[in-house]
């Protein structure tokens, strides 16, 4: 299973072989399961997309469809 920690630690390379951590995009999907459904993914780069439900300051992995 992919974790938020692993996603945020990912590195990408430029054409000049420079390695860096990308920016990430948080996209709100709407209300769900008593909170707000969001997705997090690297902005402008290939990578995993993780789904969460936000309740207050808590992130809960979203497992539904």
Protein backbone atom coordinates (compact mmCIF):
# COMPACT_ATOMS: atom_id res chain seq x y z
CA UNK A 1 0.00 0.00 0.00
CA UNK A 2 1.26 3.47 -0.85
CA UNK A 3 1.50 5.92 2.02
CA UNK A 4 1.29 9.68 2.16
CA UNK A 5 4.78 9.74 3.63
CA UNK A 6 6.15 7.77 0.63
CA UNK A 7 4.32 10.00 -1.83
CA UNK A 8 5.64 13.20 -0.26
CA UNK A 9 9.21 11.82 -0.24
CA UNK A 10 9.18 10.95 -3.96
CA UNK A 11 11.83 12.41 -6.24
CA UNK A 12 11.70 13.25 -9.94
CA UNK A 13 14.53 14.04 -12.36
CA UNK A 14 14.93 16.83 -14.87
CA UNK A 15 16.37 16.32 -18.35
CA UNK A 16 19.70 17.46 -16.87
CA UNK A 17 19.50 14.61 -14.34
CA UNK A 18 18.81 16.93 -11.40
CA UNK A 19 16.72 15.23 -8.72
CA UNK A 20 14.07 17.17 -6.77
CA UNK A 21 10.86 16.76 -4.81
CA UNK A 22 7.84 17.91 -6.85
CA UNK A 23 4.99 20.14 -5.75
CA UNK A 24 1.77 18.33 -4.92
CA UNK A 25 -1.81 19.11 -5.79
CA UNK A 26 -4.69 18.67 -3.37
CA UNK A 27 -8.02 18.45 -5.18
CA UNK A 28 -11.30 18.54 -3.25
CA UNK A 29 -13.75 15.94 -4.52
CA UNK A 30 -16.65 16.91 -2.23
CA UNK A 31 -18.42 15.81 0.93
CA UNK A 32 -18.29 12.09 1.73
CA UNK A 33 -18.46 9.84 4.79
CA UNK A 34 -19.01 12.72 7.21
CA UNK A 35 -15.98 14.68 5.97
CA UNK A 36 -14.45 16.05 2.79
CA UNK A 37 -13.02 13.69 0.17
CA UNK A 38 -9.67 14.89 -1.25
CA UNK A 39 -7.01 13.49 -3.56
CA UNK A 40 -3.29 14.27 -3.41
CA UNK A 41 -0.93 13.75 -6.34
CA UNK A 42 2.32 15.13 -7.77
CA UNK A 43 1.63 18.23 -9.82
CA UNK A 44 2.81 17.85 -13.41
CA UNK A 45 4.51 14.48 -12.85
CA UNK A 46 3.55 10.81 -13.00
CA UNK A 47 2.93 9.31 -9.61
CA UNK A 48 0.43 7.76 -7.27
CA UNK A 49 -2.84 9.43 -6.41
CA UNK A 50 -3.94 9.04 -2.81
CA UNK A 51 -7.49 9.50 -1.55
CA UNK A 52 -8.40 10.73 1.93
CA UNK A 53 -11.38 11.85 3.93
CA UNK A 54 -10.60 14.97 5.98
CA UNK A 55 -12.43 15.33 9.29
CA UNK A 56 -11.23 18.36 11.24
CA UNK A 57 -7.43 18.00 11.20
CA UNK A 58 -7.51 14.24 10.67
CA UNK A 59 -6.70 12.48 7.37
CA UNK A 60 -8.41 9.11 6.99
CA UNK A 61 -7.47 6.90 4.00
CA UNK A 62 -10.48 6.64 1.68
CA UNK A 63 -11.12 3.08 0.59
CA UNK A 64 -14.50 3.43 -1.09
CA UNK A 65 -15.45 3.96 -4.68
